[in-house]
N, C-alpha and C. Protein backbone atom coordinates (compact mmCIF):
# COMPACT_ATOMS: atom_id res chain seq x y z
N UNK A 1 0.03 -17.26 4.77
CA UNK A 1 1.06 -17.10 4.10
C UNK A 1 2.42 -17.82 4.32
N UNK A 2 2.42 -17.89 5.95
CA UNK A 2 3.95 -18.74 6.57
C UNK A 2 3.68 -19.88 6.26
N UNK A 3 3.41 -20.81 5.48
CA UNK A 3 2.82 -22.18 5.27
C UNK A 3 3.52 -22.72 4.11
N UNK A 4 3.46 -21.23 3.01
CA UNK A 4 3.55 -21.53 1.28
C UNK A 4 2.42 -21.75 1.07
N UNK A 5 1.54 -21.91 0.99
CA UNK A 5 0.24 -22.51 0.27
C UNK A 5 -0.27 -21.37 0.00
N UNK A 6 0.37 -19.96 -0.31
CA UNK A 6 -0.40 -18.70 -1.31
C UNK A 6 0.35 -19.12 -2.50
N UNK A 7 -0.66 -19.11 -3.69
CA UNK A 7 0.12 -19.06 -4.83
C UNK A 7 0.70 -17.73 -5.65
N UNK A 8 1.10 -17.48 -6.80
CA UNK A 8 1.58 -16.58 -7.19
C UNK A 8 -0.11 -15.52 -7.32
N UNK A 9 0.33 -14.36 -7.21
CA UNK A 9 -1.20 -13.66 -7.12
C UNK A 9 -2.03 -13.88 -6.13
N UNK A 10 -1.77 -14.79 -5.22
CA UNK A 10 -2.93 -14.89 -4.24
C UNK A 10 -2.63 -13.62 -3.21
N UNK A 11 -3.49 -13.43 -2.73
CA UNK A 11 -3.74 -12.32 -1.69
C UNK A 11 -4.59 -13.03 -0.23
N UNK A 12 -4.11 -11.85 0.43
CA UNK A 12 -4.66 -12.17 2.03
C UNK A 12 -5.33 -10.83 2.26
N UNK A 13 -6.49 -10.58 2.87
CA UNK A 13 -6.81 -9.41 3.32
C UNK A 13 -7.26 -9.60 4.71
N UNK A 14 -7.49 -8.37 5.18
CA UNK A 14 -8.17 -8.38 6.87
C UNK A 14 -8.88 -6.96 6.76
N UNK A 15 -9.47 -7.13 7.92
CA UNK A 15 -10.78 -5.64 7.83
C UNK A 15 -10.29 -4.99 8.95
N UNK A 16 -8.51 -5.38 9.78
CA UNK A 16 -7.74 -4.21 10.59
C UNK A 16 -6.84 -5.34 10.88
N UNK A 17 -5.44 -4.51 11.51
CA UNK A 17 -4.64 -5.04 12.08
C UNK A 17 -4.15 -4.34 13.06
N UNK A 18 -3.52 -5.10 13.96
CA UNK A 18 -2.60 -4.44 15.04
C UNK A 18 -1.33 -4.10 15.15
N UNK A 19 -0.48 -4.89 14.54
CA UNK A 19 0.61 -5.06 14.32
C UNK A 19 1.51 -4.58 13.01
N UNK A 20 0.68 -3.69 12.13
CA UNK A 20 0.95 -3.32 11.13
C UNK A 20 2.45 -2.22 11.10
N UNK A 21 2.79 -2.24 9.95
CA UNK A 21 4.35 -1.70 9.80
C UNK A 21 4.34 -0.96 8.70
N UNK A 22 5.02 -0.40 8.45
CA UNK A 22 5.37 0.55 7.20
C UNK A 22 6.86 0.32 7.09
N UNK A 23 7.52 1.77 6.07
CA UNK A 23 8.67 1.52 5.79
C UNK A 23 9.68 2.02 7.13
N UNK A 24 10.85 1.22 7.10
CA UNK A 24 11.27 1.33 8.02
C UNK A 24 10.89 1.00 9.46
N UNK A 25 10.23 0.20 9.49
CA UNK A 25 9.24 -0.56 10.43
C UNK A 25 8.80 0.37 11.13
N UNK A 26 8.36 1.44 10.94
CA UNK A 26 7.30 2.48 11.74
C UNK A 26 6.05 1.85 11.60
N UNK A 27 5.34 2.11 12.79
CA UNK A 27 4.01 1.62 13.14
C UNK A 27 3.06 2.31 12.23
N UNK A 28 1.91 1.52 11.78
CA UNK A 28 0.97 1.73 10.45
C UNK A 28 -0.14 1.83 11.34
N UNK A 29 -1.22 2.49 10.87
CA UNK A 29 -2.17 2.92 11.80
C UNK A 29 -3.06 2.04 10.92
N UNK A 30 -3.77 0.72 11.39
CA UNK A 30 -4.58 0.25 10.44
C UNK A 30 -5.99 0.07 10.69
N UNK A 31 -7.12 0.98 10.73
CA UNK A 31 -8.53 1.00 11.35
C UNK A 31 -9.04 0.25 10.69
N UNK A 32 -10.43 -0.24 11.02
CA UNK A 32 -11.35 -0.76 10.37
C UNK A 32 -12.05 -0.19 9.42
N UNK A 33 -12.51 -0.69 8.31
CA UNK A 33 -12.88 0.02 7.18
C UNK A 33 -12.06 0.27 6.16
N UNK A 34 -10.81 0.33 6.26
CA UNK A 34 -9.57 0.33 5.29
C UNK A 34 -9.32 -0.87 4.48
N UNK A 35 -8.48 -0.48 4.06
CA UNK A 35 -7.69 -1.65 3.34
C UNK A 35 -6.56 -2.10 3.43
N UNK A 36 -6.60 -3.42 3.81
CA UNK A 36 -5.34 -4.00 4.11
C UNK A 36 -4.96 -5.12 3.67
N UNK A 37 -3.97 -5.53 2.77
CA UNK A 37 -4.04 -6.71 2.32
C UNK A 37 -2.51 -7.04 1.89
N UNK A 38 -2.00 -8.54 1.67
CA UNK A 38 -0.75 -8.54 1.07
C UNK A 38 -0.85 -9.70 -0.32
N UNK A 39 0.02 -9.62 -0.82
CA UNK A 39 -0.11 -10.55 -1.95
C UNK A 39 1.29 -10.85 -2.70
N UNK A 40 0.76 -12.16 -3.07
CA UNK A 40 2.66 -12.91 -3.68
C UNK A 40 2.94 -12.40 -5.02
N UNK A 41 3.67 -11.83 -5.25
CA UNK A 41 4.14 -11.39 -6.45
C UNK A 41 4.85 -12.56 -7.27
N UNK A 42 4.11 -12.29 -8.57
CA UNK A 42 5.13 -13.86 -9.41
C UNK A 42 6.66 -13.66 -9.65
N UNK A 43 7.03 -14.87 -9.69
CA UNK A 43 8.37 -14.93 -9.93
C UNK A 43 8.34 -14.66 -11.38
N UNK A 44 8.91 -12.81 -11.48
CA UNK A 44 8.82 -12.70 -12.78
C UNK A 44 10.22 -11.51 -12.67
N UNK A 45 10.84 -11.15 -14.10
CA UNK A 45 11.64 -10.19 -13.81
C UNK A 45 11.27 -8.94 -13.75
N UNK A 46 10.09 -8.26 -13.85
CA UNK A 46 9.32 -7.44 -13.75
C UNK A 46 9.47 -6.74 -12.24
N UNK A 47 9.42 -8.18 -11.15
CA UNK A 47 9.13 -7.63 -9.71
C UNK A 47 10.77 -8.40 -9.29
N UNK A 48 11.36 -8.30 -10.15
CA UNK A 48 12.83 -8.87 -9.22
C UNK A 48 13.98 -7.38 -9.20
N UNK A 49 14.56 -7.76 -7.63
CA UNK A 49 15.32 -6.50 -7.87
C UNK A 49 14.81 -5.25 -7.19
N UNK A 50 15.45 -3.62 -7.71
CA UNK A 50 15.03 -2.56 -6.91
C UNK A 50 14.00 -2.08 -7.74
N UNK A 51 13.69 -2.89 -9.05
CA UNK A 51 12.36 -2.12 -9.70
C UNK A 51 11.17 -2.67 -9.23
N UNK A 52 10.81 -3.67 -8.17
CA UNK A 52 9.82 -4.25 -7.96
C UNK A 52 8.88 -3.19 -7.12
N UNK A 53 9.26 -2.65 -6.62
CA UNK A 53 8.46 -1.45 -6.17
C UNK A 53 8.13 -0.32 -6.75
N UNK A 54 8.81 -0.20 -7.82
CA UNK A 54 8.23 1.05 -8.64
C UNK A 54 7.23 0.22 -9.42
N UNK A 55 7.29 -1.02 -9.82
CA UNK A 55 6.21 -1.87 -10.85
C UNK A 55 5.09 -1.73 -9.95
N UNK A 56 5.37 -2.32 -8.81
CA UNK A 56 4.09 -2.59 -7.73
C UNK A 56 3.03 -1.17 -7.76
N UNK A 57 4.00 -0.03 -7.18
CA UNK A 57 3.59 1.16 -6.96
C UNK A 57 2.75 1.74 -8.22
N UNK A 58 3.43 1.66 -9.38
CA UNK A 58 2.94 2.13 -10.73
C UNK A 58 1.59 0.94 -11.09
N UNK A 59 1.49 -0.46 -10.83
CA UNK A 59 0.03 -1.13 -11.33
C UNK A 59 -0.90 -0.47 -10.11
N UNK A 60 -0.82 -0.48 -9.26
CA UNK A 60 -1.72 0.14 -8.19
C UNK A 60 -2.18 1.50 -8.66
N UNK A 61 -1.18 2.13 -8.59
CA UNK A 61 -1.73 3.73 -9.29
C UNK A 61 -2.56 3.81 -10.29
N UNK A 62 -2.48 2.77 -11.14
CA UNK A 62 -2.94 2.81 -12.61
C UNK A 62 -4.54 2.22 -12.46
N UNK A 63 -4.41 1.02 -11.61
CA UNK A 63 -5.68 0.39 -11.34
C UNK A 63 -6.44 1.57 -10.33
N UNK A 64 -6.05 2.35 -9.68
CA UNK A 64 -7.00 3.52 -8.95
C UNK A 64 -7.68 4.45 -9.95
N UNK A 65 -6.37 4.84 -11.02
CA UNK A 65 -7.14 5.78 -11.98
C UNK A 65 -8.44 5.13 -12.91
N UNK A 66 -8.10 3.67 -13.26
CA UNK A 66 -9.06 3.18 -14.09
C UNK A 66 -10.12 3.08 -12.96
N UNK A 67 -10.50 3.31 -11.87
CA UNK A 67 -11.40 3.61 -11.19
C UNK A 67 -12.25 4.34 -10.92
N UNK A 68 -11.60 5.51 -11.74
CA UNK A 68 -11.87 7.12 -11.59
C UNK A 68 -11.09 7.72 -10.51
N UNK A 69 -10.45 7.41 -9.80
CA UNK A 69 -9.45 8.22 -8.75
C UNK A 69 -8.11 8.73 -9.23
N UNK A 70 -7.67 9.66 -8.96
CA UNK A 70 -6.82 10.64 -9.45
C UNK A 70 -5.32 10.17 -8.45
N UNK A 71 -4.65 9.04 -8.66
CA UNK A 71 -3.95 8.56 -7.88
C UNK A 71 -2.80 8.36 -8.59
N UNK A 72 -1.66 9.04 -7.67
CA UNK A 72 -0.19 8.66 -8.37
C UNK A 72 0.69 8.18 -7.06
N UNK A 73 1.90 7.98 -7.81
CA UNK A 73 2.65 7.12 -7.20
C UNK A 73 3.79 8.30 -6.69
N UNK A 74 4.21 8.27 -5.29
CA UNK A 74 5.25 9.18 -4.87
C UNK A 74 6.20 8.09 -4.56
N UNK A 75 7.53 8.19 -4.97
CA UNK A 75 8.53 7.13 -4.84
C UNK A 75 9.36 7.14 -3.46
N UNK A 76 9.34 6.22 -2.89
CA UNK A 76 9.23 4.88 -3.68
C UNK A 76 8.05 4.13 -3.02
N UNK A 77 7.52 4.44 -1.98
CA UNK A 77 6.33 3.54 -1.70
C UNK A 77 4.73 4.46 -1.26
N UNK A 78 4.67 5.45 -1.88
CA UNK A 78 3.23 6.17 -1.31
C UNK A 78 2.02 6.13 -2.57
N UNK A 79 1.11 6.04 -2.01
CA UNK A 79 0.03 6.30 -3.42
C UNK A 79 -0.67 7.70 -2.59
N UNK A 80 -0.87 8.80 -3.71
CA UNK A 80 -1.02 9.97 -3.34
C UNK A 80 -2.18 10.28 -4.22
N UNK A 81 -3.17 10.79 -3.76
CA UNK A 81 -4.29 11.10 -4.26
C UNK A 81 -4.51 12.98 -4.47
N UNK A 82 -5.11 13.03 -5.60
CA UNK A 82 -4.89 14.90 -5.80
C UNK A 82 -3.77 15.35 -5.82
N UNK A 83 -2.42 14.63 -6.42
CA UNK A 83 -1.12 15.07 -5.98
C UNK A 83 -1.29 15.92 -4.32
N UNK A 84 -1.28 15.38 -3.63
CA UNK A 84 -1.73 16.53 -2.63
C UNK A 84 -2.00 15.57 -1.15
N UNK A 85 -2.76 14.55 -0.97
CA UNK A 85 -3.10 13.72 0.06
C UNK A 85 -2.42 12.46 -0.18
N UNK A 86 -1.45 12.10 1.01
CA UNK A 86 -1.13 10.70 0.81
C UNK A 86 -2.72 9.73 1.21
N UNK A 87 -2.68 8.48 0.67
CA UNK A 87 -3.76 7.68 0.77
C UNK A 87 -3.35 6.15 1.19
N UNK A 88 -2.13 6.15 1.12
CA UNK A 88 -1.69 4.43 1.44
C UNK A 88 -0.47 4.39 1.00
N UNK A 89 0.20 3.30 1.42
CA UNK A 89 1.76 2.85 1.28
C UNK A 89 1.82 1.27 0.91
N UNK A 90 3.13 0.86 0.43
CA UNK A 90 3.12 -0.23 -0.47
C UNK A 90 4.43 -0.76 0.45
N UNK A 91 4.37 -2.02 0.69
CA UNK A 91 5.65 -2.51 1.59
C UNK A 91 6.00 -3.86 0.96
N UNK A 92 7.15 -3.92 0.22
CA UNK A 92 7.62 -5.62 -0.27
C UNK A 92 8.58 -6.10 0.90
N UNK A 93 8.49 -7.51 0.74
CA UNK A 93 9.26 -7.92 1.62
C UNK A 93 9.45 -9.74 1.29
N UNK A 94 10.66 -9.98 1.04
CA UNK A 94 10.55 -10.94 0.71
C UNK A 94 11.37 -12.14 1.88
N UNK A 95 10.38 -13.10 1.71
CA UNK A 95 10.46 -14.06 2.75
C UNK A 95 10.94 -15.54 2.23
N UNK A 96 11.81 -16.49 2.47
CA UNK A 96 11.99 -17.87 1.80
C UNK A 96 12.08 -18.01 0.43
N UNK A 97 12.52 -16.66 0.06
CA UNK A 97 12.37 -16.72 -1.53
C UNK A 97 11.00 -16.17 -2.28
N UNK A 98 10.33 -15.88 -1.71
CA UNK A 98 8.93 -15.29 -1.84
C UNK A 98 8.62 -13.88 -1.96
N UNK A 99 8.17 -13.13 -2.94
CA UNK A 99 8.22 -11.60 -2.79
C UNK A 99 6.79 -11.47 -2.34
N UNK A 100 6.56 -10.98 -1.19
CA UNK A 100 5.25 -10.33 -0.70
C UNK A 100 5.10 -8.86 -0.96
N UNK A 101 4.06 -8.27 -1.13
CA UNK A 101 3.80 -7.21 -1.12
C UNK A 101 2.85 -6.59 -0.14
N UNK A 102 2.83 -5.72 0.66
CA UNK A 102 1.80 -5.44 1.27
C UNK A 102 1.46 -4.14 1.49
N UNK A 103 -0.01 -3.72 0.98
CA UNK A 103 -0.66 -2.69 1.12
C UNK A 103 -1.65 -2.27 1.64
N UNK A 104 -1.52 -0.84 2.27
CA UNK A 104 -2.23 -0.28 3.42
C UNK A 104 -2.95 0.73 2.83
N UNK A 105 -4.69 0.70 2.27
CA UNK A 105 -5.44 2.14 1.74
C UNK A 105 -6.35 2.98 2.62
N UNK A 106 -6.24 4.12 3.07
CA UNK A 106 -6.92 4.52 3.86
C UNK A 106 -8.07 4.87 2.71
N UNK A 107 -9.07 4.24 3.15
CA UNK A 107 -10.33 4.27 2.31
C UNK A 107 -11.19 5.17 3.29
N UNK A 108 -11.23 5.08 4.27
CA UNK A 108 -12.35 5.96 4.95
C UNK A 108 -11.85 6.76 6.20
N UNK A 109 -11.16 6.34 6.40
CA UNK A 109 -10.21 7.00 7.74
C UNK A 109 -8.62 7.26 7.75
N UNK A 110 -8.17 8.13 7.64
CA UNK A 110 -6.43 8.62 7.55
C UNK A 110 -6.01 8.36 9.14
N UNK A 111 -4.62 8.35 9.17
CA UNK A 111 -4.47 8.17 10.59
C UNK A 111 -4.30 9.84 10.99
N UNK A 112 -4.23 9.93 12.37
CA UNK A 112 -4.15 11.24 12.88
C UNK A 112 -2.44 11.40 12.67
N UNK A 113 -2.62 12.98 12.62
CA UNK A 113 -1.72 13.43 12.33
C UNK A 113 -0.29 13.34 13.22
N UNK A 114 -0.92 13.11 14.54
CA UNK A 114 -0.16 12.80 15.55
C UNK A 114 1.09 11.70 15.43
N UNK A 115 0.16 10.40 14.37
CA UNK A 115 1.14 9.10 13.92
C UNK A 115 1.86 9.80 12.91
N UNK A 116 1.96 10.37 12.32
CA UNK A 116 2.42 10.72 11.30
C UNK A 116 4.49 11.48 11.35
N UNK A 117 5.27 10.92 10.43
CA UNK A 117 6.85 11.81 10.53
C UNK A 117 6.30 13.40 10.40
N UNK A 118 6.96 14.06 11.41
CA UNK A 118 6.98 15.22 11.54
C UNK A 118 7.72 15.95 10.51
N UNK A 119 8.50 15.18 9.36
CA UNK A 119 9.19 16.04 8.50
C UNK A 119 8.04 15.42 7.10
N UNK A 120 6.99 14.73 7.08
CA UNK A 120 6.54 14.23 6.29
C UNK A 120 5.60 15.38 5.15
N UNK A 121 6.07 15.17 4.09
CA UNK A 121 5.60 16.45 2.92
C UNK A 121 4.07 16.56 2.78
N UNK A 122 3.25 15.50 3.08
CA UNK A 122 2.08 15.37 2.57
C UNK A 122 1.07 15.11 3.58
N UNK A 123 0.11 15.63 3.44
CA UNK A 123 -1.03 15.06 4.55
C UNK A 123 -1.99 13.87 4.27
N UNK A 124 -2.26 13.36 5.40
CA UNK A 124 -3.17 11.90 5.35
C UNK A 124 -4.71 12.30 4.76
N UNK A 125 -5.10 11.34 3.97
CA UNK A 125 -6.35 11.35 3.81
C UNK A 125 -7.06 10.30 3.49
N UNK A 126 -8.28 10.01 3.31
CA UNK A 126 -8.87 8.56 3.07
C UNK A 126 -9.20 8.86 1.57
N UNK A 127 -9.17 8.14 0.86
CA UNK A 127 -9.79 8.08 -0.20
C UNK A 127 -11.20 8.24 -0.65
N UNK A 128 -12.09 7.53 0.13
CA UNK A 128 -13.66 7.81 -0.40
C UNK A 128 -14.18 8.74 -0.21
N UNK A 129 -13.90 9.67 0.79
CA UNK A 129 -14.28 11.18 1.37
C UNK A 129 -14.23 11.94 -0.15
N UNK A 130 -13.22 11.78 -0.99
CA UNK A 130 -13.05 12.44 -1.90
C UNK A 130 -13.89 12.36 -3.53
N UNK A 131 -14.58 10.89 -3.22
CA UNK A 131 -15.24 10.52 -4.33
C UNK A 131 -14.51 10.31 -6.25
N UNK A 132 -14.89 8.88 -6.80
CA UNK A 132 -14.15 9.09 -7.94
C UNK A 132 -15.11 10.34 -8.76
N UNK A 133 -13.92 11.32 -9.66
CA UNK A 133 -14.06 11.72 -10.20
C UNK A 133 -14.90 11.46 -11.76
């Protein structure tokens, strides 16, 4: 991504990451077996300004629902399962005029509660242990 060769809509995924970060540069737990992907958003009005995060979150939550998982968006960047478990997060970042969306989804494993913010309202969970409904 750093050399500008990633086309609009292009994505890069990894099996795990050690330098992951979430909102406010908090450390993000990224074990193997979960989903870690960054993709380049197209230069489109829907992805400009403050609405970009909402648009990406809505599209991702809708995609999970179409796959049979009851996922919703908790503003501004949390993916929530069954309205009670945080299963992932979205982080938008602009670099040299290119808007990138980072996505982390707990598929098989959730971060231990010791890594979560103390004031977090939702418990963390993996998506796959709940299976599609």
